[in-house]
C-alpha cells in the first residue's frame, strides 16, 4: 500500500518537528511548510492526500491557503489546527471547506484518529 502524503503547515518549528515525527511513525510521508506561500508552492508542485494547516501563518491566514487549495482539481483532506479557537475562526474554516478543526495543543491520538477517518472517507 502506498504511503499517504501529508503537508504540515505551521510557522512554529517545534510544532512542525513534533507533528512530523508523530506522522512518520504512523507511516505517513510528511513534508512541511512554514508560510502560506511556501505551502501553496509545494501543494501546486506535489499531490498531497492531506494538509494539516495552522490558521495563523506569518504571511497569510490558513483560510486563505484553504481557498487556493480548494480551487485545485484534486480532493485533499484539509485539517485546520489553531491555538486561537474562536467562533470566527471556526466559522471561517468551515466556510472554506475545512474537513476538521482541531485546537492546539493537538492530542496526537485525536489527530491520528481524525486523519484516518477523513482519509478513509476521501476514498
N, C-alpha and C. Protein backbone atom coordinates (compact mmCIF):
# COMPACT_ATOMS: atom_id res chain seq x y z
N UNK A 1 0.84 -1.19 0.00
CA UNK A 1 0.00 0.00 0.00
C UNK A 1 0.88 1.24 0.00
N UNK A 2 0.51 2.22 -0.81
CA UNK A 2 1.28 3.45 -0.94
C UNK A 2 1.07 4.34 0.29
N UNK A 3 2.17 4.95 0.73
CA UNK A 3 2.09 5.86 1.88
C UNK A 3 1.28 7.09 1.50
N UNK A 4 0.47 7.56 2.43
CA UNK A 4 -0.28 8.80 2.23
C UNK A 4 0.67 9.97 2.44
N UNK A 5 0.57 10.97 1.55
CA UNK A 5 1.43 12.16 1.63
C UNK A 5 0.71 13.26 2.40
N UNK A 6 1.41 13.80 3.39
CA UNK A 6 0.87 14.82 4.27
C UNK A 6 1.73 16.08 4.17
N UNK A 7 1.08 17.24 4.12
CA UNK A 7 1.77 18.52 4.19
C UNK A 7 1.39 19.19 5.50
N UNK A 8 2.38 19.43 6.37
CA UNK A 8 2.18 20.12 7.64
C UNK A 8 2.59 21.57 7.44
N UNK A 9 1.66 22.49 7.70
CA UNK A 9 1.92 23.92 7.50
C UNK A 9 1.76 24.64 8.84
N UNK A 10 2.90 25.10 9.38
CA UNK A 10 2.89 25.80 10.67
C UNK A 10 4.19 26.58 10.78
N UNK A 11 4.12 27.80 11.31
CA UNK A 11 5.34 28.59 11.46
C UNK A 11 6.09 28.28 12.75
N UNK A 12 5.53 27.45 13.60
CA UNK A 12 6.17 27.03 14.84
C UNK A 12 7.03 25.80 14.53
N UNK A 13 8.34 26.01 14.47
CA UNK A 13 9.26 24.93 14.08
C UNK A 13 9.16 23.71 14.99
N UNK A 14 8.99 23.93 16.30
CA UNK A 14 8.89 22.79 17.22
C UNK A 14 7.60 22.01 16.98
N UNK A 15 6.52 22.71 16.65
CA UNK A 15 5.25 22.06 16.33
C UNK A 15 5.40 21.21 15.07
N UNK A 16 6.05 21.77 14.06
CA UNK A 16 6.27 21.04 12.80
C UNK A 16 7.11 19.79 13.06
N UNK A 17 8.18 19.95 13.83
CA UNK A 17 9.06 18.82 14.12
C UNK A 17 8.31 17.71 14.85
N UNK A 18 7.54 18.09 15.86
CA UNK A 18 6.78 17.11 16.64
C UNK A 18 5.76 16.39 15.77
N UNK A 19 4.97 17.16 15.03
CA UNK A 19 3.95 16.55 14.17
C UNK A 19 4.58 15.66 13.11
N UNK A 20 5.67 16.11 12.53
CA UNK A 20 6.36 15.32 11.51
C UNK A 20 6.82 13.97 12.07
N UNK A 21 7.41 13.99 13.24
CA UNK A 21 7.87 12.75 13.87
C UNK A 21 6.70 11.81 14.15
N UNK A 22 5.63 12.34 14.71
CA UNK A 22 4.45 11.52 15.03
C UNK A 22 3.87 10.91 13.76
N UNK A 23 3.72 11.72 12.73
CA UNK A 23 3.10 11.25 11.49
C UNK A 23 3.99 10.24 10.76
N UNK A 24 5.28 10.43 10.80
CA UNK A 24 6.18 9.46 10.17
C UNK A 24 6.13 8.12 10.89
N UNK A 25 6.02 8.16 12.23
CA UNK A 25 5.89 6.92 13.00
C UNK A 25 4.59 6.19 12.64
N UNK A 26 3.59 6.95 12.22
CA UNK A 26 2.31 6.36 11.80
C UNK A 26 2.35 5.85 10.36
N UNK A 27 3.48 6.05 9.69
CA UNK A 27 3.63 5.53 8.34
C UNK A 27 3.32 6.50 7.22
N UNK A 28 3.15 7.78 7.55
CA UNK A 28 2.88 8.78 6.53
C UNK A 28 4.18 9.33 5.94
N UNK A 29 4.10 9.79 4.71
CA UNK A 29 5.19 10.51 4.05
C UNK A 29 4.90 11.99 4.30
N UNK A 30 5.76 12.67 5.05
CA UNK A 30 5.46 14.02 5.53
C UNK A 30 6.39 15.06 4.93
N UNK A 31 5.79 16.16 4.51
CA UNK A 31 6.50 17.35 4.03
C UNK A 31 6.01 18.51 4.89
N UNK A 32 6.75 19.62 4.91
CA UNK A 32 6.31 20.74 5.73
C UNK A 32 6.56 22.07 5.04
N UNK A 33 5.85 23.08 5.53
CA UNK A 33 6.00 24.46 5.06
C UNK A 33 5.77 25.37 6.26
N UNK A 34 6.47 26.52 6.26
CA UNK A 34 6.35 27.46 7.39
C UNK A 34 5.54 28.70 7.06
N UNK A 35 5.21 28.90 5.78
CA UNK A 35 4.40 30.05 5.38
C UNK A 35 3.30 29.59 4.43
N UNK A 36 2.32 30.46 4.26
CA UNK A 36 1.24 30.15 3.32
C UNK A 36 1.75 30.04 1.90
N UNK A 37 2.63 30.97 1.51
CA UNK A 37 3.17 30.94 0.14
C UNK A 37 3.95 29.65 -0.13
N UNK A 38 4.78 29.25 0.84
CA UNK A 38 5.54 28.01 0.68
C UNK A 38 4.59 26.81 0.57
N UNK A 39 3.53 26.81 1.36
CA UNK A 39 2.56 25.72 1.31
C UNK A 39 1.89 25.65 -0.06
N UNK A 40 1.51 26.81 -0.58
CA UNK A 40 0.84 26.86 -1.89
C UNK A 40 1.78 26.36 -2.99
N UNK A 41 3.04 26.80 -2.95
CA UNK A 41 4.02 26.34 -3.94
C UNK A 41 4.19 24.83 -3.88
N UNK A 42 4.34 24.29 -2.68
CA UNK A 42 4.51 22.84 -2.54
C UNK A 42 3.26 22.10 -2.98
N UNK A 43 2.09 22.63 -2.63
CA UNK A 43 0.83 21.99 -2.99
C UNK A 43 0.65 21.93 -4.50
N UNK A 44 1.04 22.99 -5.18
CA UNK A 44 0.89 23.02 -6.65
C UNK A 44 1.90 22.10 -7.34
N UNK A 45 3.03 21.85 -6.68
CA UNK A 45 4.08 21.02 -7.28
C UNK A 45 3.94 19.54 -6.95
N UNK A 46 3.21 19.21 -5.91
CA UNK A 46 3.15 17.83 -5.40
C UNK A 46 1.73 17.51 -4.95
N UNK A 47 1.26 16.32 -5.23
CA UNK A 47 -0.06 15.91 -4.75
C UNK A 47 0.05 15.48 -3.28
N UNK A 48 -0.85 15.98 -2.46
CA UNK A 48 -0.92 15.59 -1.05
C UNK A 48 -2.30 15.01 -0.77
N UNK A 49 -2.32 13.98 0.05
CA UNK A 49 -3.59 13.38 0.45
C UNK A 49 -4.26 14.21 1.54
N UNK A 50 -3.42 14.88 2.35
CA UNK A 50 -3.95 15.65 3.47
C UNK A 50 -3.04 16.84 3.76
N UNK A 51 -3.66 17.98 4.09
CA UNK A 51 -2.91 19.16 4.51
C UNK A 51 -3.36 19.48 5.93
N UNK A 52 -2.38 19.56 6.82
CA UNK A 52 -2.59 19.93 8.22
C UNK A 52 -2.11 21.37 8.33
N UNK A 53 -3.03 22.29 8.58
CA UNK A 53 -2.77 23.71 8.36
C UNK A 53 -3.08 24.57 9.58
N UNK A 54 -2.07 25.32 10.04
CA UNK A 54 -2.28 26.28 11.12
C UNK A 54 -3.08 27.45 10.57
N UNK A 55 -3.97 28.00 11.38
CA UNK A 55 -4.81 29.10 10.91
C UNK A 55 -4.06 30.42 10.88
N UNK A 56 -3.03 30.57 11.71
CA UNK A 56 -2.24 31.81 11.74
C UNK A 56 -0.84 31.54 11.22
N UNK A 57 -0.57 32.12 10.07
CA UNK A 57 0.75 32.00 9.45
C UNK A 57 1.34 33.39 9.31
N UNK A 58 2.65 33.51 9.17
CA UNK A 58 3.26 34.84 9.14
C UNK A 58 2.86 35.71 7.94
N UNK A 59 2.52 35.09 6.82
CA UNK A 59 2.23 35.87 5.62
C UNK A 59 0.76 35.90 5.22
N UNK A 60 -0.06 35.01 5.76
CA UNK A 60 -1.48 34.99 5.43
C UNK A 60 -2.21 34.06 6.39
N UNK A 61 -3.52 34.12 6.37
CA UNK A 61 -4.32 33.23 7.21
C UNK A 61 -4.40 31.85 6.54
N UNK A 62 -4.48 30.84 7.37
CA UNK A 62 -4.63 29.49 6.84
C UNK A 62 -5.88 29.34 5.98
N UNK A 63 -6.91 30.11 6.30
CA UNK A 63 -8.13 30.03 5.49
C UNK A 63 -7.91 30.56 4.07
N UNK A 64 -6.97 31.49 3.91
CA UNK A 64 -6.63 31.96 2.55
C UNK A 64 -5.96 30.83 1.77
N UNK A 65 -5.12 30.06 2.45
CA UNK A 65 -4.49 28.90 1.82
C UNK A 65 -5.57 27.88 1.44
N UNK A 66 -6.55 27.67 2.32
CA UNK A 66 -7.65 26.75 2.03
C UNK A 66 -8.39 27.15 0.76
N UNK A 67 -8.62 28.43 0.60
CA UNK A 67 -9.35 28.92 -0.58
C UNK A 67 -8.59 28.57 -1.86
N UNK A 68 -7.28 28.74 -1.85
CA UNK A 68 -6.46 28.43 -3.03
C UNK A 68 -6.42 26.93 -3.27
N UNK A 69 -6.25 26.16 -2.22
CA UNK A 69 -6.23 24.70 -2.33
C UNK A 69 -7.56 24.19 -2.88
N UNK A 70 -8.66 24.80 -2.44
CA UNK A 70 -9.98 24.37 -2.87
C UNK A 70 -10.17 24.54 -4.37
N UNK A 71 -9.44 25.46 -4.98
CA UNK A 71 -9.55 25.69 -6.41
C UNK A 71 -8.77 24.69 -7.26
N UNK A 72 -8.05 23.79 -6.61
CA UNK A 72 -7.26 22.80 -7.35
C UNK A 72 -8.13 21.59 -7.70
N UNK A 73 -7.75 20.86 -8.75
CA UNK A 73 -8.60 19.76 -9.23
C UNK A 73 -8.63 18.50 -8.35
N UNK A 74 -7.67 18.34 -7.45
CA UNK A 74 -7.65 17.12 -6.64
C UNK A 74 -8.34 17.35 -5.30
N UNK A 75 -8.87 16.28 -4.72
CA UNK A 75 -9.53 16.36 -3.42
C UNK A 75 -8.52 16.01 -2.35
N UNK A 76 -8.13 17.01 -1.60
CA UNK A 76 -7.19 16.83 -0.50
C UNK A 76 -7.93 17.06 0.81
N UNK A 77 -7.72 16.19 1.78
CA UNK A 77 -8.30 16.40 3.11
C UNK A 77 -7.60 17.60 3.73
N UNK A 78 -8.38 18.50 4.32
CA UNK A 78 -7.84 19.73 4.91
C UNK A 78 -8.24 19.82 6.38
N UNK A 79 -7.23 19.77 7.25
CA UNK A 79 -7.48 19.87 8.69
C UNK A 79 -6.81 21.13 9.21
N UNK A 80 -7.61 21.98 9.83
CA UNK A 80 -7.11 23.23 10.43
C UNK A 80 -6.73 22.94 11.88
N UNK A 81 -5.58 23.48 12.31
CA UNK A 81 -5.19 23.44 13.72
C UNK A 81 -4.95 24.88 14.17
N UNK A 82 -5.33 25.18 15.39
CA UNK A 82 -5.16 26.55 15.86
C UNK A 82 -4.96 26.62 17.36
N UNK A 83 -4.20 27.60 17.76
CA UNK A 83 -4.06 27.92 19.17
C UNK A 83 -5.00 29.05 19.55
N UNK A 84 -5.79 29.53 18.58
CA UNK A 84 -6.70 30.65 18.78
C UNK A 84 -8.12 30.23 18.40
N UNK A 85 -8.74 29.37 19.20
CA UNK A 85 -10.07 28.87 18.85
C UNK A 85 -11.16 29.90 19.13
N UNK A 86 -11.60 30.55 18.08
CA UNK A 86 -12.70 31.50 18.21
C UNK A 86 -13.84 31.04 17.30
N UNK A 87 -15.01 31.53 17.58
CA UNK A 87 -16.16 31.21 16.72
C UNK A 87 -15.90 31.69 15.30
N UNK A 88 -15.31 32.88 15.19
CA UNK A 88 -15.00 33.44 13.87
C UNK A 88 -14.04 32.52 13.09
N UNK A 89 -12.96 32.05 13.76
CA UNK A 89 -12.01 31.15 13.11
C UNK A 89 -12.67 29.85 12.69
N UNK A 90 -13.49 29.29 13.57
CA UNK A 90 -14.17 28.04 13.27
C UNK A 90 -15.10 28.21 12.07
N UNK A 91 -15.92 29.26 12.11
CA UNK A 91 -16.87 29.51 11.01
C UNK A 91 -16.15 29.73 9.69
N UNK A 92 -15.07 30.52 9.74
CA UNK A 92 -14.32 30.81 8.52
C UNK A 92 -13.68 29.54 7.95
N UNK A 93 -13.12 28.71 8.83
CA UNK A 93 -12.50 27.46 8.38
C UNK A 93 -13.54 26.54 7.74
N UNK A 94 -14.70 26.44 8.35
CA UNK A 94 -15.74 25.56 7.79
C UNK A 94 -16.30 26.15 6.49
N UNK A 95 -16.41 27.47 6.41
CA UNK A 95 -16.85 28.11 5.16
C UNK A 95 -15.88 27.82 4.02
N UNK A 96 -14.60 27.71 4.35
CA UNK A 96 -13.56 27.42 3.35
C UNK A 96 -13.39 25.91 3.14
N UNK A 97 -14.35 25.14 3.63
CA UNK A 97 -14.42 23.69 3.40
C UNK A 97 -13.32 22.90 4.09
N UNK A 98 -12.93 23.33 5.28
CA UNK A 98 -12.01 22.51 6.09
C UNK A 98 -12.75 21.24 6.46
N UNK A 99 -12.04 20.12 6.47
CA UNK A 99 -12.67 18.84 6.81
C UNK A 99 -12.72 18.60 8.32
N UNK A 100 -11.84 19.29 9.05
CA UNK A 100 -11.82 19.17 10.51
C UNK A 100 -11.11 20.39 11.09
N UNK A 101 -11.34 20.62 12.37
CA UNK A 101 -10.80 21.79 13.06
C UNK A 101 -10.36 21.33 14.44
N UNK A 102 -9.05 21.39 14.71
CA UNK A 102 -8.51 20.91 15.99
C UNK A 102 -7.80 22.06 16.71
N UNK A 103 -7.86 22.03 18.04
CA UNK A 103 -7.27 23.08 18.86
C UNK A 103 -5.94 22.61 19.43
N UNK A 104 -4.94 23.52 19.36
CA UNK A 104 -3.62 23.26 19.95
C UNK A 104 -3.72 23.40 21.47
N UNK A 105 -2.95 22.67 22.23
CA UNK A 105 -2.05 21.63 21.75
C UNK A 105 -2.86 20.43 21.27
N UNK A 106 -2.49 19.95 20.12
CA UNK A 106 -3.22 18.85 19.48
C UNK A 106 -2.85 17.54 20.16
N UNK A 107 -3.88 16.81 20.57
CA UNK A 107 -3.70 15.48 21.14
C UNK A 107 -3.35 14.54 19.98
N UNK A 108 -2.13 13.95 19.99
CA UNK A 108 -1.72 13.10 18.86
C UNK A 108 -2.71 11.98 18.54
N UNK A 109 -3.31 11.38 19.56
CA UNK A 109 -4.27 10.29 19.30
C UNK A 109 -5.51 10.81 18.57
N UNK A 110 -6.01 11.98 18.99
CA UNK A 110 -7.17 12.56 18.32
C UNK A 110 -6.83 12.97 16.88
N UNK A 111 -5.62 13.51 16.71
CA UNK A 111 -5.18 13.91 15.37
C UNK A 111 -5.12 12.71 14.44
N UNK A 112 -4.45 11.66 14.88
CA UNK A 112 -4.30 10.46 14.04
C UNK A 112 -5.67 9.86 13.73
N UNK A 113 -6.55 9.81 14.74
CA UNK A 113 -7.90 9.27 14.52
C UNK A 113 -8.64 10.11 13.48
N UNK A 114 -8.60 11.43 13.62
CA UNK A 114 -9.27 12.31 12.66
C UNK A 114 -8.69 12.15 11.26
N UNK A 115 -7.37 12.06 11.18
CA UNK A 115 -6.72 11.91 9.88
C UNK A 115 -7.16 10.61 9.20
N UNK A 116 -7.13 9.50 9.93
CA UNK A 116 -7.53 8.22 9.34
C UNK A 116 -9.00 8.23 8.91
N UNK A 117 -9.87 8.82 9.75
CA UNK A 117 -11.29 8.89 9.40
C UNK A 117 -11.50 9.69 8.12
N UNK A 118 -10.86 10.86 8.05
CA UNK A 118 -11.04 11.73 6.88
C UNK A 118 -10.43 11.11 5.63
N UNK A 119 -9.26 10.48 5.78
CA UNK A 119 -8.62 9.85 4.62
C UNK A 119 -9.44 8.66 4.13
N UNK A 120 -10.03 7.89 5.05
CA UNK A 120 -10.89 6.77 4.65
C UNK A 120 -12.14 7.26 3.95
N UNK A 121 -12.69 8.38 4.40
CA UNK A 121 -13.88 8.96 3.75
C UNK A 121 -13.55 9.52 2.38
N UNK A 122 -12.30 9.94 2.19
CA UNK A 122 -11.85 10.51 0.93
C UNK A 122 -11.93 9.49 -0.19
N UNK A 123 -11.69 8.24 0.16
CA UNK A 123 -11.69 7.19 -0.85
C UNK A 123 -13.09 6.73 -1.07
